[in-house]
Amino acid sequence: MTGIIPRSKAKGTDICLAGKHHYIIRSDLGCYMKTTDVKEGLNISIWSLHPACQNGDHYLGGDEGIFFIIKGNSFRRVTDLTRDTNAKVYSLHPNCRGGDHYALTKNYYYIFFQEKGTYRRTTDMHLDTNGLEYKLHPNCRNGLYYWDCYFIKPASEWGYEFCGCRDFRKDEFFGVYSVHPDVLTFLPGGLSVTKGPAFGRWENIKTITNDSNTPVTWQKKITKKVGYNKEKMTEITHNWKIATSASAESGDLASSIAKAQFSFSIEYGGSHVSTDKESWEEATEEEEQLSVDLKPNESVYLWQYRLGIGKEPVLFCRDLKIDDVPNPPTEVPLPSAKP
């Protein structure tokens, strides 16, 4: 299965609109994407996320590049997510707490309560000024991410789309648009949609056979590839302008996105494994000395574990296994990812 992970299951991830730019926040990568058009993927750039601005429960954006980061029962107002500029903290009014999603338009803050099927509209989250609650139209209720007057719908036969909504009480959309692949890839789980789901499997890299009628000891150096396919993975970032600070924060951004994808559950196109202890340097050839005792007419098979996305192997793991049966091993040699 493939699919982007809903904001509710990916802490520190959200989408907001500030000024003329859409922002996709990825706290797990320590950075955010900035674009002028989610549909066209225009003017994409990647910036580092200040530590104080990470791991928010929700992110909202306003005019002139103002951002609001909600954590628990308070929110932080900043004018720069990279520098945490002009930071001020306010309490959330009790009526504005516990929302499943938050959004901000030019005139109102919106707090969505999906299970209740309602939303609250107010002009001030601190004081709940002009606060009123409304019924949420069923077609506006199942969004994965909400920002400004938009929300991303669950995947359909047309892929992932986002709606522009005039009134969340009514089924009145001023547009339904596809999410551009370059934007979709940056969302948690999006890589499985644009490139294909992750896989992990043992690959046979050497078969050794004793064709004689006497036992032999086979001793040789074998060559294995270890590391990750950097050239292939950097294809996903070729349309992104990556700020130096963002690159430094996340290391190689492409590998960070792939590493995160492998850790996600199978439901969202991942493998649910941790690759932290594997080499994420560009793949190189390594030699390993092997010594194998073979009985007459016996064969042994040398297997290497590899992780990939879509059809391409991405990470060549250090794990090798020797077996005397031609079928690949069944166990997964990598630890499970933390939930």
Protein backbone atom coordinates (compact mmCIF):
# COMPACT_ATOMS: atom_id res chain seq x y z
CA MET A 1 0.00 0.00 0.00
CA THR A 2 1.04 3.60 -0.49
CA GLY A 3 -0.18 6.88 0.88
CA ILE A 4 0.78 10.13 2.50
CA ILE A 5 0.61 10.11 6.28
CA PRO A 6 -2.14 12.32 7.70
CA ARG A 7 -1.01 15.27 9.79
CA SER A 8 -2.64 13.67 12.82
CA LYS A 9 -0.17 10.75 12.62
CA ALA A 10 2.95 12.77 11.76
CA LYS A 11 3.79 15.10 14.64
CA GLY A 12 5.61 18.24 13.58
CA THR A 13 4.28 18.04 10.02
CA ASP A 14 1.78 20.49 8.59
CA ILE A 15 0.98 22.87 5.72
CA CYS A 16 0.30 26.58 6.02
CA LEU A 17 0.06 29.68 3.84
CA ALA A 18 1.95 32.84 4.79
CA GLY A 19 1.80 35.75 2.40
CA LYS A 20 2.11 34.36 -1.14
CA HIS A 21 3.92 31.16 -0.18
CA HIS A 22 2.77 27.73 0.91
CA TYR A 23 4.93 26.07 3.57
CA ILE A 24 5.21 22.31 4.14
CA ILE A 25 6.72 21.66 7.56
CA ARG A 26 8.79 18.52 8.23
CA SER A 27 10.12 18.62 11.79
CA ASP A 28 11.44 15.07 11.46
CA LEU A 29 13.77 16.32 8.71
CA GLY A 30 14.53 19.60 10.47
CA CYS A 31 13.41 21.66 7.50
CA TYR A 32 10.46 23.01 5.54
CA MET A 33 9.50 23.48 1.89
CA LYS A 34 8.44 26.84 0.52
CA THR A 35 6.56 27.11 -2.80
CA THR A 36 4.35 29.63 -4.56
CA ASP A 37 2.09 26.95 -6.03
CA VAL A 38 1.17 23.51 -4.64
CA LYS A 39 -0.43 22.51 -7.95
CA GLU A 40 2.45 23.56 -10.21
CA GLY A 41 5.32 23.09 -7.77
CA LEU A 42 6.74 26.53 -8.59
CA ASN A 43 9.75 28.21 -6.97
CA ILE A 44 10.43 25.39 -4.53
CA SER A 45 13.06 26.00 -1.90
CA ILE A 46 14.05 24.12 1.26
CA TRP A 47 15.03 25.88 4.49
CA SER A 48 16.16 24.78 7.92
CA LEU A 49 13.62 24.80 10.74
CA HIS A 50 14.73 26.50 13.95
CA PRO A 51 14.72 24.07 16.92
CA ALA A 52 12.19 26.24 18.76
CA CYS A 53 9.86 25.97 15.76
CA GLN A 54 10.02 22.18 15.51
CA ASN A 55 7.59 19.52 16.72
CA GLY A 56 4.56 21.73 16.83
CA ASP A 57 1.11 20.14 16.99
CA HIS A 58 -0.16 22.54 14.31
CA TYR A 59 1.24 25.32 12.09
CA LEU A 60 -0.64 28.33 10.75
CA GLY A 61 0.53 31.18 8.54
CA GLY A 62 -0.70 34.73 8.12
CA ASP A 63 0.03 37.82 6.05
CA GLU A 64 3.54 39.25 5.89
CA GLY A 65 5.19 35.96 6.79
CA ILE A 66 3.71 35.56 10.28
CA PHE A 67 3.52 32.02 11.67
CA PHE A 68 1.70 30.49 14.61
CA ILE A 69 2.91 27.21 16.12
CA ILE A 70 0.52 25.42 18.46
CA LYS A 71 1.88 23.13 21.18
CA GLY A 72 -0.54 21.83 23.75
CA ASN A 73 -2.56 24.72 25.15
CA SER A 74 -0.36 27.56 23.92
CA PHE A 75 0.91 28.95 20.63
CA ARG A 76 4.10 30.68 19.49
CA ARG A 77 4.01 33.63 17.10
CA VAL A 78 7.14 34.13 14.96
CA THR A 79 8.02 35.96 11.76
CA ASP A 80 10.72 33.55 10.54
CA LEU A 81 10.70 29.75 10.92
CA THR A 82 14.44 29.55 10.27
CA ARG A 83 15.46 32.12 12.89
CA ASP A 84 12.52 32.10 15.34
CA THR A 85 12.37 35.86 14.89
CA ASN A 86 10.14 38.05 17.12
CA ALA A 87 8.92 35.07 19.11
CA LYS A 88 6.00 35.56 21.49
CA VAL A 89 3.96 32.91 23.30
CA TYR A 90 0.24 33.11 24.11
CA SER A 91 -2.24 30.76 25.73
CA LEU A 92 -4.99 29.17 23.68
CA HIS A 93 -8.49 30.03 24.76
CA PRO A 94 -10.24 26.90 26.17
CA ASN A 95 -12.73 27.01 23.28
CA CYS A 96 -9.83 26.84 20.80
CA ARG A 97 -8.08 23.83 22.29
CA GLY A 98 -8.07 20.22 21.16
CA GLY A 99 -8.72 20.77 17.47
CA ASP A 100 -7.83 18.04 14.96
CA HIS A 101 -6.72 20.68 12.43
CA TYR A 102 -6.18 24.43 12.41
CA ALA A 103 -6.17 26.89 9.52
CA LEU A 104 -5.95 30.64 9.09
CA THR A 105 -7.45 32.79 6.34
CA LYS A 106 -7.23 36.57 6.03
CA ASN A 107 -10.13 37.07 8.41
CA TYR A 108 -10.49 34.02 10.63
CA TYR A 109 -8.83 31.19 12.48
CA TYR A 110 -10.50 27.83 11.89
CA ILE A 111 -10.41 24.94 14.36
CA PHE A 112 -11.69 21.65 12.93
CA PHE A 113 -13.14 18.91 15.13
CA GLN A 114 -13.45 16.06 12.66
CA GLU A 115 -15.05 13.43 14.89
CA LYS A 116 -17.68 15.91 16.07
CA GLY A 117 -18.18 17.08 12.50
CA THR A 118 -17.86 20.74 13.50
CA TYR A 119 -15.47 23.65 13.21
CA ARG A 120 -14.98 26.82 15.22
CA ARG A 121 -14.30 30.18 13.63
CA THR A 122 -12.74 33.02 15.59
CA THR A 123 -10.72 36.20 15.02
CA ASP A 124 -8.42 35.55 17.99
CA MET A 125 -7.26 32.16 19.33
CA HIS A 126 -6.12 33.74 22.60
CA LEU A 127 -9.39 35.50 23.44
CA ASP A 128 -11.80 33.55 21.18
CA THR A 129 -13.13 36.88 19.91
CA ASN A 130 -16.23 36.47 17.71
CA GLY A 131 -16.01 32.73 18.25
CA LEU A 132 -18.78 30.65 16.70
CA GLU A 133 -19.16 26.93 15.99
CA TYR A 134 -20.60 25.53 12.78
CA LYS A 135 -21.52 22.17 11.27
CA LEU A 136 -18.81 20.83 8.97
CA HIS A 137 -20.09 19.63 5.60
CA PRO A 138 -19.41 15.86 5.16
CA ASN A 139 -17.35 16.53 2.01
CA CYS A 140 -15.08 18.84 4.01
CA ARG A 141 -14.72 16.52 6.96
CA ASN A 142 -12.08 13.95 5.96
CA GLY A 143 -9.15 16.20 5.03
CA LEU A 144 -5.59 15.01 5.68
CA TYR A 145 -4.15 18.54 5.92
CA TYR A 146 -5.93 21.91 6.19
CA TRP A 147 -4.43 25.33 5.47
CA ASP A 148 -5.94 28.69 4.55
CA CYS A 149 -9.12 27.72 2.63
CA TYR A 150 -7.65 24.48 1.28
CA PHE A 151 -7.52 20.86 2.35
CA ILE A 152 -5.99 17.68 0.92
CA LYS A 153 -8.45 14.87 0.34
CA PRO A 154 -7.66 11.18 0.84
CA ALA A 155 -6.39 9.50 -2.32
CA SER A 156 -8.92 8.69 -5.04
CA GLU A 157 -8.67 7.21 -8.52
CA TRP A 158 -7.25 10.61 -9.50
CA GLY A 159 -4.49 10.49 -6.92
CA TYR A 160 -4.03 13.14 -4.23
CA GLU A 161 -5.98 16.34 -4.76
CA PHE A 162 -6.60 19.46 -2.70
CA CYS A 163 -9.78 21.50 -2.63
CA GLY A 164 -10.32 25.20 -2.38
CA CYS A 165 -13.40 25.78 -0.25
CA ARG A 166 -15.55 28.91 -0.11
CA ASP A 167 -17.54 27.75 2.91
CA PHE A 168 -16.80 24.69 5.03
CA ARG A 169 -20.52 24.46 5.89
CA LYS A 170 -21.41 23.87 2.25
CA ASP A 171 -20.22 21.70 -0.60
CA GLU A 172 -18.90 24.74 -2.47
CA PHE A 173 -15.43 24.30 -3.94
CA PHE A 174 -13.86 26.95 -6.12
CA GLY A 175 -11.37 24.39 -7.39
CA VAL A 176 -10.05 20.85 -7.06
CA TYR A 177 -6.39 20.48 -7.97
CA SER A 178 -3.74 17.78 -8.10
CA VAL A 179 -0.81 18.03 -5.69
CA HIS A 180 2.40 18.44 -7.71
CA PRO A 181 4.75 15.42 -7.44
CA ASP A 182 7.62 17.59 -6.15
CA VAL A 183 5.40 18.76 -3.29
CA LEU A 184 3.86 15.34 -2.73
CA THR A 185 7.31 13.75 -2.41
CA PHE A 186 8.17 16.07 0.49
CA LEU A 187 5.11 15.05 2.53
CA PRO A 188 5.57 12.03 4.84
CA GLY A 189 4.80 8.92 2.81
CA GLY A 190 4.67 10.90 -0.43
CA LEU A 191 7.79 9.23 -1.81
CA SER A 192 5.87 5.94 -1.97
CA VAL A 193 3.25 7.64 -4.17
CA THR A 194 5.65 9.32 -6.59
CA LYS A 195 8.30 6.57 -6.76
CA GLY A 196 6.61 3.47 -5.38
CA PRO A 197 6.43 1.68 -2.01
CA ALA A 198 9.54 0.65 -0.10
CA PHE A 199 10.74 -2.93 -0.18
CA GLY A 200 13.34 -4.99 1.64
CA ARG A 201 14.68 -8.25 0.25
CA TRP A 202 17.66 -10.56 0.13
CA GLU A 203 19.53 -10.58 -3.19
CA ASN A 204 21.74 -13.46 -4.30
CA ILE A 205 25.17 -11.94 -5.01
CA LYS A 206 27.17 -15.18 -5.30
CA THR A 207 26.54 -18.90 -5.76
CA ILE A 208 29.40 -21.28 -5.00
CA THR A 209 29.24 -24.89 -6.24
CA ASN A 210 31.52 -27.90 -5.69
CA ASP A 211 31.15 -29.99 -8.87
CA SER A 212 33.72 -32.53 -7.75
CA ASN A 213 33.31 -35.79 -5.87
CA THR A 214 35.57 -34.72 -3.01
CA PRO A 215 35.14 -32.11 -0.27
CA VAL A 216 36.80 -28.75 -0.95
CA THR A 217 37.43 -25.54 0.95
CA TRP A 218 36.55 -22.47 -1.06
CA GLN A 219 38.53 -19.40 -0.04
CA LYS A 220 38.19 -16.12 -1.88
CA LYS A 221 37.52 -12.45 -1.49
CA ILE A 222 34.07 -11.42 -2.55
CA THR A 223 33.04 -7.90 -3.49
CA LYS A 224 29.84 -6.35 -2.21
CA LYS A 225 28.31 -2.92 -2.66
CA VAL A 226 27.63 -1.05 0.61
CA GLY A 227 25.93 2.33 1.06
CA TYR A 228 23.13 4.08 -0.76
CA ASN A 229 22.40 4.94 -4.35
CA LYS A 230 22.99 8.66 -4.06
CA GLU A 231 22.76 9.40 -7.77
CA LYS A 232 19.33 7.79 -8.01
CA MET A 233 17.99 9.40 -4.87
CA THR A 234 19.07 12.96 -5.69
CA GLU A 235 16.69 12.83 -8.66
CA ILE A 236 13.87 13.56 -6.22
CA THR A 237 15.40 16.90 -5.20
CA HIS A 238 16.59 18.16 -8.59
CA ASN A 239 13.82 20.80 -8.81
CA TRP A 240 14.39 22.03 -5.26
CA LYS A 241 16.65 24.92 -4.29
CA ILE A 242 18.13 23.76 -1.01
CA ALA A 243 19.50 26.41 1.35
CA THR A 244 22.94 25.70 2.76
CA SER A 245 21.63 25.70 6.31
CA ALA A 246 18.92 23.17 5.44
CA SER A 247 21.48 20.89 3.84
CA ALA A 248 23.69 21.12 6.90
CA GLU A 249 20.81 20.44 9.27
CA SER A 250 19.51 17.39 7.45
CA GLY A 251 22.75 16.09 5.93
CA ASP A 252 21.89 14.74 2.52
CA LEU A 253 18.21 15.66 2.24
CA ALA A 254 17.41 12.92 -0.27
CA SER A 255 18.82 10.24 2.04
CA SER A 256 16.92 11.73 5.01
CA ILE A 257 13.66 11.48 3.06
CA ALA A 258 14.44 7.88 2.04
CA LYS A 259 15.47 6.92 5.59
CA ALA A 260 12.19 8.32 6.91
CA GLN A 261 10.22 6.47 4.23
CA PHE A 262 11.78 3.13 5.22
CA SER A 263 10.75 3.76 8.84
CA PHE A 264 7.08 4.33 8.00
CA SER A 265 4.54 1.53 8.32
CA ILE A 266 3.61 -0.64 5.36
CA GLU A 267 0.24 1.17 5.27
CA TYR A 268 2.07 4.29 4.09
CA GLY A 269 4.48 2.60 1.70
CA GLY A 270 7.30 2.02 4.20
CA SER A 271 9.11 -1.05 5.56
CA HIS A 272 8.88 -0.19 9.29
CA VAL A 273 12.63 -0.66 9.78
CA SER A 274 15.34 1.53 11.28
CA THR A 275 18.34 2.16 9.04
CA ASP A 276 20.22 4.44 11.45
CA LYS A 277 23.11 1.99 11.84
CA GLU A 278 23.52 1.40 8.10
CA SER A 279 25.99 3.32 5.97
CA TRP A 280 24.30 6.26 4.24
CA GLU A 281 27.47 7.26 2.44
CA GLU A 282 27.45 6.95 -1.34
CA ALA A 283 27.62 3.26 -2.28
CA THR A 284 31.14 1.82 -2.69
CA GLU A 285 32.59 -1.61 -3.35
CA GLU A 286 33.93 -3.48 -0.33
CA GLU A 287 35.86 -6.74 -0.18
CA GLU A 288 35.24 -9.49 2.34
CA GLN A 289 37.32 -12.66 2.82
CA LEU A 290 35.23 -15.83 2.90
CA SER A 291 36.09 -19.43 3.63
CA VAL A 292 33.47 -22.13 2.94
CA ASP A 293 33.74 -25.91 3.31
CA LEU A 294 31.78 -27.63 0.57
CA LYS A 295 30.72 -31.25 0.41
CA PRO A 296 30.77 -33.07 -2.95
CA ASN A 297 28.19 -31.63 -5.38
CA GLU A 298 27.08 -29.10 -2.79
CA SER A 299 26.16 -25.46 -3.49
CA VAL A 300 25.96 -22.52 -1.13
CA TYR A 301 24.30 -19.19 -1.74
CA LEU A 302 25.50 -15.79 -0.58
CA TRP A 303 22.74 -13.24 0.10
CA GLN A 304 22.84 -9.50 0.76
CA TYR A 305 19.93 -7.52 2.21
CA ARG A 306 18.85 -4.49 0.20
CA LEU A 307 16.19 -1.82 0.65
CA GLY A 308 14.58 -0.03 -2.24
CA ILE A 309 11.80 2.32 -3.27
CA GLY A 310 9.64 1.46 -6.23
CA LYS A 311 11.72 -0.77 -8.48
CA GLU A 312 15.15 0.59 -7.61
CA PRO A 313 17.45 -0.63 -4.81
CA VAL A 314 18.41 2.39 -2.72
CA LEU A 315 20.33 1.06 0.27
CA PHE A 316 22.84 -1.82 0.15
CA CYS A 317 23.04 -3.14 3.70
CA ARG A 318 26.09 -4.71 5.36
CA ASP A 319 24.15 -7.87 6.23
CA LEU A 320 25.33 -11.01 4.43
CA LYS A 321 24.01 -14.52 4.91
CA ILE A 322 25.28 -17.85 3.59
CA ASP A 323 22.78 -20.66 3.09
CA ASP A 324 22.72 -24.05 1.38
CA VAL A 325 19.22 -23.62 -0.07
CA PRO A 326 18.46 -21.55 -3.20
CA ASN A 327 15.55 -19.69 -1.60
CA PRO A 328 16.27 -16.30 0.00
CA PRO A 329 16.18 -16.01 3.81
CA THR A 330 12.90 -14.89 5.32
CA GLU A 331 14.05 -12.89 8.34
CA VAL A 332 14.46 -9.10 8.32
CA PRO A 333 17.96 -8.26 9.64
CA LEU A 334 17.16 -4.65 10.54
CA PRO A 335 15.53 -3.51 13.81
CA SER A 336 11.94 -2.29 13.76
CA ALA A 337 11.45 1.46 13.58
CA LYS A 338 10.16 3.20 16.67
CA PRO A 339 6.44 3.98 16.43
